[in-house]
PDB file of N, CA and C in Angstrom:
ATOM      1  N   MET A   1     -25.426   0.218  92.566  1.00  0.00           N
ATOM      2  CA  MET A   1     -26.180   1.141  91.747  1.00  0.00           C
ATOM      3  C   MET A   1     -27.330   0.338  91.019  1.00  0.00           C
ATOM      4  N   SER A   2     -28.537   0.859  91.060  1.00  0.00           N
ATOM      5  CA  SER A   2     -29.620   0.225  90.467  1.00  0.00           C
ATOM      6  C   SER A   2     -29.581   0.346  88.940  1.00  0.00           C
ATOM      7  N   GLU A   3     -30.284  -0.567  88.297  1.00  0.00           N
ATOM      8  CA  GLU A   3     -30.335  -0.519  86.857  1.00  0.00           C
ATOM      9  C   GLU A   3     -31.077   0.670  86.271  1.00  0.00           C
ATOM     10  N   HIS A   4     -31.930   1.222  87.000  1.00  0.00           N
ATOM     11  CA  HIS A   4     -32.704   2.364  86.578  1.00  0.00           C
ATOM     12  C   HIS A   4     -31.889   3.617  86.403  1.00  0.00           C
ATOM     13  N   ASN A   5     -30.805   3.769  87.218  1.00  0.00           N
ATOM     14  CA  ASN A   5     -29.975   4.890  87.163  1.00  0.00           C
ATOM     15  C   ASN A   5     -28.804   4.713  86.151  1.00  0.00           C
ATOM     16  N   HIS A   6     -28.544   3.501  85.721  1.00  0.00           N
ATOM     17  CA  HIS A   6     -27.457   3.166  84.918  1.00  0.00           C
ATOM     18  C   HIS A   6     -27.809   3.584  83.433  1.00  0.00           C
ATOM     19  N   HIS A   7     -26.842   4.498  82.919  1.00  0.00           N
ATOM     20  CA  HIS A   7     -26.963   4.941  81.573  1.00  0.00           C
ATOM     21  C   HIS A   7     -25.666   4.748  80.787  1.00  0.00           C
ATOM     22  N   GLU A   8     -25.724   3.890  79.816  1.00  0.00           N
ATOM     23  CA  GLU A   8     -24.428   3.724  78.997  1.00  0.00           C
ATOM     24  C   GLU A   8     -24.403   4.734  77.847  1.00  0.00           C
ATOM     25  N   HIS A   9     -23.191   5.295  77.558  1.00  0.00           N
ATOM     26  CA  HIS A   9     -23.007   6.175  76.519  1.00  0.00           C
ATOM     27  C   HIS A   9     -22.883   5.460  75.212  1.00  0.00           C
ATOM     28  N   HIS A  10     -23.462   6.069  74.208  1.00  0.00           N
ATOM     29  CA  HIS A  10     -23.365   5.470  72.912  1.00  0.00           C
ATOM     30  C   HIS A  10     -22.117   5.930  72.183  1.00  0.00           C
ATOM     31  N   VAL A  11     -21.440   5.045  71.524  1.00  0.00           N
ATOM     32  CA  VAL A  11     -20.260   5.357  70.735  1.00  0.00           C
ATOM     33  C   VAL A  11     -20.639   5.148  69.266  1.00  0.00           C
ATOM     34  N   SER A  12     -20.563   6.253  68.567  1.00  0.00           N
ATOM     35  CA  SER A  12     -20.992   6.227  67.115  1.00  0.00           C
ATOM     36  C   SER A  12     -19.789   5.515  66.351  1.00  0.00           C
ATOM     37  N   THR A  13     -20.215   4.690  65.387  1.00  0.00           N
ATOM     38  CA  THR A  13     -19.280   4.063  64.584  1.00  0.00           C
ATOM     39  C   THR A  13     -18.713   5.041  63.557  1.00  0.00           C
ATOM     40  N   ALA A  14     -17.550   4.648  62.861  1.00  0.00           N
ATOM     41  CA  ALA A  14     -17.044   5.501  61.911  1.00  0.00           C
ATOM     42  C   ALA A  14     -17.916   5.614  60.703  1.00  0.00           C
ATOM     43  N   GLY A  15     -18.618   4.514  60.357  1.00  0.00           N
ATOM     44  CA  GLY A  15     -19.566   4.536  59.226  1.00  0.00           C
ATOM     45  C   GLY A  15     -20.728   5.507  59.454  1.00  0.00           C
ATOM     46  N   GLN A  16     -21.205   5.501  60.664  1.00  0.00           N
ATOM     47  CA  GLN A  16     -22.301   6.490  60.919  1.00  0.00           C
ATOM     48  C   GLN A  16     -21.834   7.887  60.794  1.00  0.00           C
ATOM     49  N   LEU A  17     -20.703   8.168  61.340  1.00  0.00           N
ATOM     50  CA  LEU A  17     -20.087   9.553  61.329  1.00  0.00           C
ATOM     51  C   LEU A  17     -19.815   9.932  59.838  1.00  0.00           C
ATOM     52  N   TRP A  18     -19.270   9.067  59.081  1.00  0.00           N
ATOM     53  CA  TRP A  18     -19.001   9.297  57.639  1.00  0.00           C
ATOM     54  C   TRP A  18     -20.299   9.517  56.901  1.00  0.00           C
ATOM     55  N   ALA A  19     -21.344   8.770  57.152  1.00  0.00           N
ATOM     56  CA  ALA A  19     -22.617   8.926  56.441  1.00  0.00           C
ATOM     57  C   ALA A  19     -23.250  10.252  56.783  1.00  0.00           C
ATOM     58  N   VAL A  20     -23.169  10.640  58.087  1.00  0.00           N
ATOM     59  CA  VAL A  20     -23.748  11.993  58.417  1.00  0.00           C
ATOM     60  C   VAL A  20     -22.856  13.088  57.771  1.00  0.00           C
ATOM     61  N   GLY A  21     -21.512  12.946  57.735  1.00  0.00           N
ATOM     62  CA  GLY A  21     -20.654  13.908  57.146  1.00  0.00           C
ATOM     63  C   GLY A  21     -20.894  14.103  55.717  1.00  0.00           C
ATOM     64  N   ILE A  22     -21.086  13.020  54.985  1.00  0.00           N
ATOM     65  CA  ILE A  22     -21.436  13.004  53.546  1.00  0.00           C
ATOM     66  C   ILE A  22     -22.757  13.628  53.328  1.00  0.00           C
ATOM     67  N   ALA A  23     -23.814  13.297  54.137  1.00  0.00           N
ATOM     68  CA  ALA A  23     -25.053  13.944  54.026  1.00  0.00           C
ATOM     69  C   ALA A  23     -25.020  15.443  54.257  1.00  0.00           C
ATOM     70  N   LEU A  24     -24.191  15.929  55.236  1.00  0.00           N
ATOM     71  CA  LEU A  24     -24.009  17.398  55.371  1.00  0.00           C
ATOM     72  C   LEU A  24     -23.327  17.972  54.138  1.00  0.00           C
ATOM     73  N   THR A  25     -22.364  17.274  53.652  1.00  0.00           N
ATOM     74  CA  THR A  25     -21.681  17.832  52.468  1.00  0.00           C
ATOM     75  C   THR A  25     -22.645  17.968  51.332  1.00  0.00           C
ATOM     76  N   ILE A  26     -23.486  16.946  51.112  1.00  0.00           N
ATOM     77  CA  ILE A  26     -24.425  16.952  50.023  1.00  0.00           C
ATOM     78  C   ILE A  26     -25.423  18.071  50.184  1.00  0.00           C
ATOM     79  N   LEU A  27     -25.903  18.295  51.439  1.00  0.00           N
ATOM     80  CA  LEU A  27     -26.908  19.267  51.702  1.00  0.00           C
ATOM     81  C   LEU A  27     -26.258  20.648  51.521  1.00  0.00           C
ATOM     82  N   THR A  28     -24.981  20.793  51.928  1.00  0.00           N
ATOM     83  CA  THR A  28     -24.254  22.105  51.685  1.00  0.00           C
ATOM     84  C   THR A  28     -24.108  22.436  50.215  1.00  0.00           C
ATOM     85  N   GLY A  29     -23.717  21.376  49.452  1.00  0.00           N
ATOM     86  CA  GLY A  29     -23.685  21.486  48.021  1.00  0.00           C
ATOM     87  C   GLY A  29     -25.016  21.818  47.417  1.00  0.00           C
ATOM     88  N   LEU A  30     -26.115  21.256  47.934  1.00  0.00           N
ATOM     89  CA  LEU A  30     -27.442  21.597  47.392  1.00  0.00           C
ATOM     90  C   LEU A  30     -27.796  23.046  47.757  1.00  0.00           C
ATOM     91  N   THR A  31     -27.403  23.497  48.907  1.00  0.00           N
ATOM     92  CA  THR A  31     -27.667  24.921  49.264  1.00  0.00           C
ATOM     93  C   THR A  31     -26.862  25.900  48.342  1.00  0.00           C
ATOM     94  N   VAL A  32     -25.633  25.523  48.079  1.00  0.00           N
ATOM     95  CA  VAL A  32     -24.898  26.357  47.110  1.00  0.00           C
ATOM     96  C   VAL A  32     -25.417  26.308  45.735  1.00  0.00           C
ATOM     97  N   GLY A  33     -25.770  25.093  45.307  1.00  0.00           N
ATOM     98  CA  GLY A  33     -26.365  24.920  43.953  1.00  0.00           C
ATOM     99  C   GLY A  33     -27.665  25.721  43.762  1.00  0.00           C
ATOM    100  N   LEU A  34     -28.499  25.702  44.784  1.00  0.00           N
ATOM    101  CA  LEU A  34     -29.874  26.351  44.678  1.00  0.00           C
ATOM    102  C   LEU A  34     -29.683  27.973  44.690  1.00  0.00           C
ATOM    103  N   ALA A  35     -28.467  28.410  45.128  1.00  0.00           N
ATOM    104  CA  ALA A  35     -28.280  29.828  45.123  1.00  0.00           C
ATOM    105  C   ALA A  35     -28.292  30.379  43.651  1.00  0.00           C
ATOM    106  N   PHE A  36     -27.903  29.463  42.746  1.00  0.00           N
ATOM    107  CA  PHE A  36     -27.921  29.873  41.306  1.00  0.00           C
ATOM    108  C   PHE A  36     -29.177  29.547  40.568  1.00  0.00           C
ATOM    109  N   VAL A  37     -30.165  29.076  41.310  1.00  0.00           N
ATOM    110  CA  VAL A  37     -31.465  28.734  40.596  1.00  0.00           C
ATOM    111  C   VAL A  37     -32.503  29.846  41.074  1.00  0.00           C
ATOM    112  N   GLU A  38     -33.308  30.307  40.045  1.00  0.00           N
ATOM    113  CA  GLU A  38     -34.285  31.282  40.368  1.00  0.00           C
ATOM    114  C   GLU A  38     -35.511  30.669  40.934  1.00  0.00           C
ATOM    115  N   ILE A  39     -35.770  30.872  42.290  1.00  0.00           N
ATOM    116  CA  ILE A  39     -36.886  30.349  42.988  1.00  0.00           C
ATOM    117  C   ILE A  39     -37.773  31.525  43.284  1.00  0.00           C
ATOM    118  N   PRO A  40     -39.123  31.389  43.114  1.00  0.00           N
ATOM    119  CA  PRO A  40     -39.985  32.592  43.506  1.00  0.00           C
ATOM    120  C   PRO A  40     -39.834  32.986  44.997  1.00  0.00           C
ATOM    121  N   ALA A  41     -40.167  34.201  45.213  1.00  0.00           N
ATOM    122  CA  ALA A  41     -39.854  34.972  46.421  1.00  0.00           C
ATOM    123  C   ALA A  41     -40.175  34.231  47.726  1.00  0.00           C
ATOM    124  N   PRO A  42     -41.417  33.743  48.016  1.00  0.00           N
ATOM    125  CA  PRO A  42     -41.490  33.179  49.364  1.00  0.00           C
ATOM    126  C   PRO A  42     -40.961  31.784  49.464  1.00  0.00           C
ATOM    127  N   PHE A  43     -40.749  31.077  48.339  1.00  0.00           N
ATOM    128  CA  PHE A  43     -40.379  29.740  48.451  1.00  0.00           C
ATOM    129  C   PHE A  43     -38.842  29.608  48.548  1.00  0.00           C
ATOM    130  N   ASP A  44     -38.008  30.611  48.073  1.00  0.00           N
ATOM    131  CA  ASP A  44     -36.586  30.438  48.180  1.00  0.00           C
ATOM    132  C   ASP A  44     -36.137  30.464  49.713  1.00  0.00           C
ATOM    133  N   ILE A  45     -36.804  31.265  50.491  1.00  0.00           N
ATOM    134  CA  ILE A  45     -36.518  31.191  51.957  1.00  0.00           C
ATOM    135  C   ILE A  45     -36.948  29.878  52.627  1.00  0.00           C
ATOM    136  N   ILE A  46     -38.059  29.412  52.183  1.00  0.00           N
ATOM    137  CA  ILE A  46     -38.621  28.205  52.735  1.00  0.00           C
ATOM    138  C   ILE A  46     -37.651  26.991  52.380  1.00  0.00           C
ATOM    139  N   VAL A  47     -37.251  26.957  51.103  1.00  0.00           N
ATOM    140  CA  VAL A  47     -36.264  25.894  50.795  1.00  0.00           C
ATOM    141  C   VAL A  47     -35.004  26.039  51.494  1.00  0.00           C
ATOM    142  N   ALA A  48     -34.428  27.193  51.623  1.00  0.00           N
ATOM    143  CA  ALA A  48     -33.133  27.440  52.356  1.00  0.00           C
ATOM    144  C   ALA A  48     -33.334  27.079  53.842  1.00  0.00           C
ATOM    145  N   LEU A  49     -34.411  27.412  54.423  1.00  0.00           N
ATOM    146  CA  LEU A  49     -34.505  27.149  55.864  1.00  0.00           C
ATOM    147  C   LEU A  49     -34.798  25.549  56.050  1.00  0.00           C
ATOM    148  N   THR A  50     -35.503  24.954  55.172  1.00  0.00           N
ATOM    149  CA  THR A  50     -35.665  23.501  55.260  1.00  0.00           C
ATOM    150  C   THR A  50     -34.352  22.780  55.205  1.00  0.00           C
ATOM    151  N   ILE A  51     -33.469  23.147  54.264  1.00  0.00           N
ATOM    152  CA  ILE A  51     -32.164  22.543  54.134  1.00  0.00           C
ATOM    153  C   ILE A  51     -31.346  22.818  55.430  1.00  0.00           C
ATOM    154  N   ALA A  52     -31.419  24.081  55.906  1.00  0.00           N
ATOM    155  CA  ALA A  52     -30.696  24.469  57.091  1.00  0.00           C
ATOM    156  C   ALA A  52     -31.194  23.642  58.354  1.00  0.00           C
ATOM    157  N   PHE A  53     -32.487  23.519  58.496  1.00  0.00           N
ATOM    158  CA  PHE A  53     -33.065  22.807  59.655  1.00  0.00           C
ATOM    159  C   PHE A  53     -32.658  21.313  59.499  1.00  0.00           C
ATOM    160  N   GLY A  54     -32.584  20.733  58.315  1.00  0.00           N
ATOM    161  CA  GLY A  54     -32.166  19.335  58.061  1.00  0.00           C
ATOM    162  C   GLY A  54     -30.751  19.131  58.536  1.00  0.00           C
ATOM    163  N   LYS A  55     -29.896  20.148  58.166  1.00  0.00           N
ATOM    164  CA  LYS A  55     -28.501  20.065  58.571  1.00  0.00           C
ATOM    165  C   LYS A  55     -28.356  20.137  60.108  1.00  0.00           C
ATOM    166  N   ALA A  56     -29.131  21.100  60.712  1.00  0.00           N
ATOM    167  CA  ALA A  56     -29.064  21.297  62.094  1.00  0.00           C
ATOM    168  C   ALA A  56     -29.584  20.044  62.813  1.00  0.00           C
ATOM    169  N   PHE A  57     -30.604  19.428  62.311  1.00  0.00           N
ATOM    170  CA  PHE A  57     -31.083  18.208  62.904  1.00  0.00           C
ATOM    171  C   PHE A  57     -29.981  17.047  62.815  1.00  0.00           C
ATOM    172  N   LEU A  58     -29.257  16.987  61.783  1.00  0.00           N
ATOM    173  CA  LEU A  58     -28.297  15.926  61.652  1.00  0.00           C
ATOM    174  C   LEU A  58     -27.160  16.127  62.668  1.00  0.00           C
ATOM    175  N   VAL A  59     -26.731  17.418  62.748  1.00  0.00           N
ATOM    176  CA  VAL A  59     -25.698  17.762  63.695  1.00  0.00           C
ATOM    177  C   VAL A  59     -26.136  17.513  65.137  1.00  0.00           C
ATOM    178  N   ALA A  60     -27.295  17.987  65.536  1.00  0.00           N
ATOM    179  CA  ALA A  60     -27.801  17.772  66.872  1.00  0.00           C
ATOM    180  C   ALA A  60     -28.035  16.295  67.157  1.00  0.00           C
ATOM    181  N   ALA A  61     -28.583  15.557  66.258  1.00  0.00           N
ATOM    182  CA  ALA A  61     -28.925  14.230  66.541  1.00  0.00           C
ATOM    183  C   ALA A  61     -27.788  13.254  66.620  1.00  0.00           C
ATOM    184  N   PHE A  62     -26.822  13.413  65.687  1.00  0.00           N
ATOM    185  CA  PHE A  62     -25.808  12.434  65.514  1.00  0.00           C
ATOM    186  C   PHE A  62     -24.414  12.947  66.096  1.00  0.00           C
ATOM    187  N   PHE A  63     -24.097  14.157  65.814  1.00  0.00           N
ATOM    188  CA  PHE A  63     -22.761  14.661  66.304  1.00  0.00           C
ATOM    189  C   PHE A  63     -22.871  15.013  67.790  1.00  0.00           C
ATOM    190  N   MET A  64     -24.054  15.540  68.243  1.00  0.00           N
ATOM    191  CA  MET A  64     -24.185  15.795  69.644  1.00  0.00           C
ATOM    192  C   MET A  64     -24.805  14.631  70.347  1.00  0.00           C
ATOM    193  N   ASN A  65     -25.055  13.561  69.676  1.00  0.00           N
ATOM    194  CA  ASN A  65     -25.568  12.242  70.278  1.00  0.00           C
ATOM    195  C   ASN A  65     -26.937  12.387  70.944  1.00  0.00           C
ATOM    196  N   LEU A  66     -27.738  13.438  70.572  1.00  0.00           N
ATOM    197  CA  LEU A  66     -29.074  13.516  71.180  1.00  0.00           C
ATOM    198  C   LEU A  66     -30.047  12.389  70.768  1.00  0.00           C
ATOM    199  N   TYR A  67     -29.707  11.707  69.591  1.00  0.00           N
ATOM    200  CA  TYR A  67     -30.561  10.574  69.199  1.00  0.00           C
ATOM    201  C   TYR A  67     -30.535   9.431  70.151  1.00  0.00           C
ATOM    202  N   TRP A  68     -29.371   9.274  70.853  1.00  0.00           N
ATOM    203  CA  TRP A  68     -29.221   8.183  71.825  1.00  0.00           C
ATOM    204  C   TRP A  68     -29.290   8.610  73.229  1.00  0.00           C
ATOM    205  N   ASP A  69     -29.321   9.933  73.486  1.00  0.00           N
ATOM    206  CA  ASP A  69     -29.278  10.435  74.808  1.00  0.00           C
ATOM    207  C   ASP A  69     -30.693  10.456  75.415  1.00  0.00           C
ATOM    208  N   THR A  70     -30.740  10.822  76.626  1.00  0.00           N
ATOM    209  CA  THR A  70     -32.084  10.873  77.379  1.00  0.00           C
ATOM    210  C   THR A  70     -32.963  11.928  76.722  1.00  0.00           C
ATOM    211  N   LYS A  71     -34.279  11.607  76.877  1.00  0.00           N
ATOM    212  CA  LYS A  71     -35.231  12.549  76.155  1.00  0.00           C
ATOM    213  C   LYS A  71     -35.248  13.932  76.891  1.00  0.00           C
ATOM    214  N   PHE A  72     -34.712  13.965  78.139  1.00  0.00           N
ATOM    215  CA  PHE A  72     -34.712  15.269  78.866  1.00  0.00           C
ATOM    216  C   PHE A  72     -33.788  16.292  78.029  1.00  0.00           C
ATOM    217  N   ASN A  73     -32.646  15.789  77.634  1.00  0.00           N
ATOM    218  CA  ASN A  73     -31.680  16.697  76.882  1.00  0.00           C
ATOM    219  C   ASN A  73     -32.335  17.108  75.534  1.00  0.00           C
ATOM    220  N   SER A  74     -33.114  16.217  74.878  1.00  0.00           N
ATOM    221  CA  SER A  74     -33.754  16.589  73.658  1.00  0.00           C
ATOM    222  C   SER A  74     -34.780  17.645  73.971  1.00  0.00           C
ATOM    223  N   MET A  75     -35.567  17.539  75.079  1.00  0.00           N
ATOM    224  CA  MET A  75     -36.555  18.480  75.416  1.00  0.00           C
ATOM    225  C   MET A  75     -35.855  19.825  75.785  1.00  0.00           C
ATOM    226  N   LEU A  76     -34.690  19.844  76.382  1.00  0.00           N
ATOM    227  CA  LEU A  76     -33.985  21.088  76.600  1.00  0.00           C
ATOM    228  C   LEU A  76     -33.671  21.747  75.249  1.00  0.00           C
ATOM    229  N   LEU A  77     -33.237  20.993  74.326  1.00  0.00           N
ATOM    230  CA  LEU A  77     -32.970  21.547  72.983  1.00  0.00           C
ATOM    231  C   LEU A  77     -34.215  22.157  72.341  1.00  0.00           C
ATOM    232  N   VAL A  78     -35.261  21.425  72.356  1.00  0.00           N
ATOM    233  CA  VAL A  78     -36.555  21.884  71.790  1.00  0.00           C
ATOM    234  C   VAL A  78     -37.052  23.189  72.547  1.00  0.00           C
ATOM    235  N   GLY A  79     -36.871  23.218  73.825  1.00  0.00           N
ATOM    236  CA  GLY A  79     -37.274  24.331  74.637  1.00  0.00           C
ATOM    237  C   GLY A  79     -36.429  25.597  74.259  1.00  0.00           C
ATOM    238  N   ALA A  80     -35.149  25.373  74.077  1.00  0.00           N
ATOM    239  CA  ALA A  80     -34.199  26.496  73.760  1.00  0.00           C
ATOM    240  C   ALA A  80     -34.648  27.002  72.374  1.00  0.00           C
ATOM    241  N   LEU A  81     -34.895  26.114  71.352  1.00  0.00           N
ATOM    242  CA  LEU A  81     -35.261  26.509  70.066  1.00  0.00           C
ATOM    243  C   LEU A  81     -36.655  27.331  70.099  1.00  0.00           C
ATOM    244  N   ALA A  82     -37.590  26.848  70.902  1.00  0.00           N
ATOM    245  CA  ALA A  82     -38.897  27.488  71.026  1.00  0.00           C
ATOM    246  C   ALA A  82     -38.692  28.886  71.582  1.00  0.00           C
ATOM    247  N   PHE A  83     -37.845  29.044  72.588  1.00  0.00           N
ATOM    248  CA  PHE A  83     -37.552  30.312  73.267  1.00  0.00           C
ATOM    249  C   PHE A  83     -36.822  31.247  72.167  1.00  0.00           C
ATOM    250  N   PHE A  84     -35.909  30.740  71.404  1.00  0.00           N
ATOM    251  CA  PHE A  84     -35.225  31.540  70.321  1.00  0.00           C
ATOM    252  C   PHE A  84     -36.284  32.054  69.347  1.00  0.00           C
ATOM    253  N   ILE A  85     -37.152  31.163  68.920  1.00  0.00           N
ATOM    254  CA  ILE A  85     -38.181  31.523  67.891  1.00  0.00           C
ATOM    255  C   ILE A  85     -39.116  32.573  68.452  1.00  0.00           C
ATOM    256  N   LEU A  86     -39.423  32.477  69.677  1.00  0.00           N
ATOM    257  CA  LEU A  86     -40.277  33.442  70.393  1.00  0.00           C
ATOM    258  C   LEU A  86     -39.590  34.791  70.431  1.00  0.00           C
ATOM    259  N   MET A  87     -38.300  34.824  70.723  1.00  0.00           N
ATOM    260  CA  MET A  87     -37.592  36.080  70.710  1.00  0.00           C
ATOM    261  C   MET A  87     -37.464  36.713  69.364  1.00  0.00           C
ATOM    262  N   VAL A  88     -37.180  35.912  68.317  1.00  0.00           N
ATOM    263  CA  VAL A  88     -37.154  36.440  66.965  1.00  0.00           C
ATOM    264  C   VAL A  88     -38.506  37.056  66.628  1.00  0.00           C
ATOM    265  N   ALA A  89     -39.582  36.302  66.958  1.00  0.00           N
ATOM    266  CA  ALA A  89     -40.948  36.684  66.660  1.00  0.00           C
ATOM    267  C   ALA A  89     -41.302  38.065  67.296  1.00  0.00           C
ATOM    268  N   ILE A  90     -40.915  38.257  68.571  1.00  0.00           N
ATOM    269  CA  ILE A  90     -41.138  39.529  69.252  1.00  0.00           C
ATOM    270  C   ILE A  90     -40.339  40.607  68.557  1.00  0.00           C
ATOM    271  N   THR A  91     -39.137  40.337  68.152  1.00  0.00           N
ATOM    272  CA  THR A  91     -38.275  41.345  67.473  1.00  0.00           C
ATOM    273  C   THR A  91     -38.897  41.737  66.186  1.00  0.00           C
ATOM    274  N   LEU A  92     -39.366  40.718  65.436  1.00  0.00           N
ATOM    275  CA  LEU A  92     -39.977  41.043  64.139  1.00  0.00           C
ATOM    276  C   LEU A  92     -41.256  41.849  64.283  1.00  0.00           C
ATOM    277  N   LEU A  93     -42.064  41.523  65.370  1.00  0.00           N
ATOM    278  CA  LEU A  93     -43.262  42.399  65.582  1.00  0.00           C
ATOM    279  C   LEU A  93     -42.947  43.835  65.732  1.00  0.00           C
ATOM    280  N   ASP A  94     -41.761  44.069  66.440  1.00  0.00           N
ATOM    281  CA  ASP A  94     -41.295  45.453  66.695  1.00  0.00           C
ATOM    282  C   ASP A  94     -40.848  46.080  65.432  1.00  0.00           C
ATOM    283  N   THR A  95     -40.035  45.344  64.583  1.00  0.00           N
ATOM    284  CA  THR A  95     -39.451  45.918  63.372  1.00  0.00           C
ATOM    285  C   THR A  95     -40.342  46.080  62.210  1.00  0.00           C
ATOM    286  N   LEU A  96     -41.316  45.120  62.109  1.00  0.00           N
ATOM    287  CA  LEU A  96     -42.126  45.096  60.927  1.00  0.00           C
ATOM    288  C   LEU A  96     -43.187  46.170  60.894  1.00  0.00           C
ATOM    289  N   TYR A  97     -43.580  46.632  62.120  1.00  0.00           N
ATOM    290  CA  TYR A  97     -44.695  47.617  62.163  1.00  0.00           C
ATOM    291  C   TYR A  97     -44.264  48.978  62.689  1.00  0.00           C
ATOM    292  N   ARG A  98     -42.988  49.260  62.389  1.00  0.00           N
ATOM    293  CA  ARG A  98     -42.551  50.659  62.747  1.00  0.00           C
ATOM    294  C   ARG A  98     -43.026  51.637  61.733  1.00  0.00           C
ATOM    295  N   VAL A  99     -43.120  52.855  62.112  1.00  0.00           N
ATOM    296  CA  VAL A  99     -43.482  53.966  61.218  1.00  0.00           C
ATOM    297  C   VAL A  99     -42.134  54.359  60.433  1.00  0.00           C
ATOM    298  N   GLU A 100     -42.329  54.663  59.200  1.00  0.00           N
ATOM    299  CA  GLU A 100     -41.152  55.021  58.458  1.00  0.00           C
ATOM    300  C   GLU A 100     -40.599  56.274  58.995  1.00  0.00           C
ATOM    301  N   VAL A 101     -39.206  56.272  59.108  1.00  0.00           N
ATOM    302  CA  VAL A 101     -38.423  57.358  59.629  1.00  0.00           C
ATOM    303  C   VAL A 101     -38.236  58.391  58.462  1.00  0.00           C
ATOM    304  N   VAL A 102     -38.627  59.670  58.768  1.00  0.00           N
ATOM    305  CA  VAL A 102     -38.417  60.653  57.761  1.00  0.00           C
ATOM    306  C   VAL A 102     -37.133  61.484  58.168  1.00  0.00           C
ATOM    307  N   PRO A 103     -36.066  61.442  57.300  1.00  0.00           N
ATOM    308  CA  PRO A 103     -34.865  62.146  57.600  1.00  0.00           C
ATOM    309  C   PRO A 103     -35.164  63.615  57.896  1.00  0.00           C
ATOM    310  N   SER A 104     -34.437  64.191  58.817  1.00  0.00           N
ATOM    311  CA  SER A 104     -34.721  65.582  59.227  1.00  0.00           C
ATOM    312  C   SER A 104     -33.916  66.533  58.440  1.00  0.00           C
ATOM    313  N   PHE A 105     -33.061  66.175  57.531  1.00  0.00           N
ATOM    314  CA  PHE A 105     -32.283  67.074  56.736  1.00  0.00           C
ATOM    315  C   PHE A 105     -32.796  67.219  55.318  1.00  0.00           C
TER     316      PHE A 105
END
């Protein structure tokens, strides 16, 4: 087997996994704590999504080992996320610009 095709798997240490787990716990606590804080309308969703994307990055990078995996698998994840965002955007275009339904009764 040539060295080019050889790929060793990364084994995360217990310290790394504990650090990521503690970071996820802190971010979850931050999410719950911010639910009781009055944040102006557009910024509350931005803050919540920023924390959620941070937690999703930690899970994908360290628990799914994408940080140490080949870049092809990371690009597959990015492509899937881009496709998901595209589908949500198309759905929002349909639902945001509908004519108000008038009840017939």
